[in-house]
Amino acid sequence: MMRSLKGQRVLITGASGGLGQALAWVLAEQGAHVALAARRLERLQELQEALQRSGYKAVAISLDVTDADAVTYGLHRTVEALGGLDILVNNAGLAYFGSVSTMAPQAMATLVATNIYGALYTSQAAVPYLETSRGMIVNISSPLAKRAFPYVSFYAGTKSFLNAVSDGMRLELKARGIHVLTYMAPETATDLAQHTLHAPGVTLPPIRRRLADPRHVALQISRAIRHERREVMASRFFVALGLMMPGLVDWLLYHAMVRRYRHENF
């Protein structure tokens, strides 16, 4: 039996742009009432007003997912505004471009705080409400969790951690009526530079490959939510190739990335 999104009360973290913003539109169009959470309240309010002008129910919640007390308060405000909570989408996240061998401790701490603790804090705060509604947690991960690339390996590690926690939570929360979906989204065309940390003096390389359209990815996530999928992974070919022929993938990545950037100061 499919889950209908009509009337579902959804909290989306990292909703001020990119995939989070696209997901807010897609879920609202399918009948959900959305709470938009992020640190940039101005952009959230613009999105809230645009959704409301289109006839959808939306509220903006200023939220720093790295602050456990702020998350608890933000969930309380969300439930007050929407009358409950049915779906939590842990979408807030940061990336990092650079070598792990020279990565600053502060950058490591920032990624862990956002990508790992942020998802855990919001999930913990949401569980009592989701148990009441027999709801769902959606953790937005990455195919890199299955096969890390050079210079983004620390980011990949945070997503691998999130995948592992999702697997355990899925079973722990099943008896409480809560479903957990892990969606490993492809790299989307978004304001990536604003969400990618890097070493001082390093310029992010130009993106020459085709990136996924955020709305298309959001539609796929909404489909996975409706079907209550366990785990969905985009870009499966390269991951599968890495499992079958790891030496070949190492060679490809070395020649495509390491040799290209090895003289950079990171």
Foldseek 3Di string as FASTA:
>chain_A
DFDQLAAAEEEEEPLLWFLNVLLVVVSQVSHHAYEYEYQPQVSQVVSCVVSVVVPGHYHYFYADLLDLVRLLVSVVVSCVRSVFHAEYELDWAFFEFAAPVPDDPVVLVVRCSRLPSSLVSNCVSRLVRNLVVLHEYEYEAACCCLPPFGRGVSVSVSRVVVVVVLVVVQVVCVVSSYHYEYEHFWAAPIPRVVRYHYDPPDDDDDDPDDHHHSNVRSVVVVVCNRVSPHYHHPPVPLSVCCVVPVVVSVVVRCVVPCVVCVPPPD
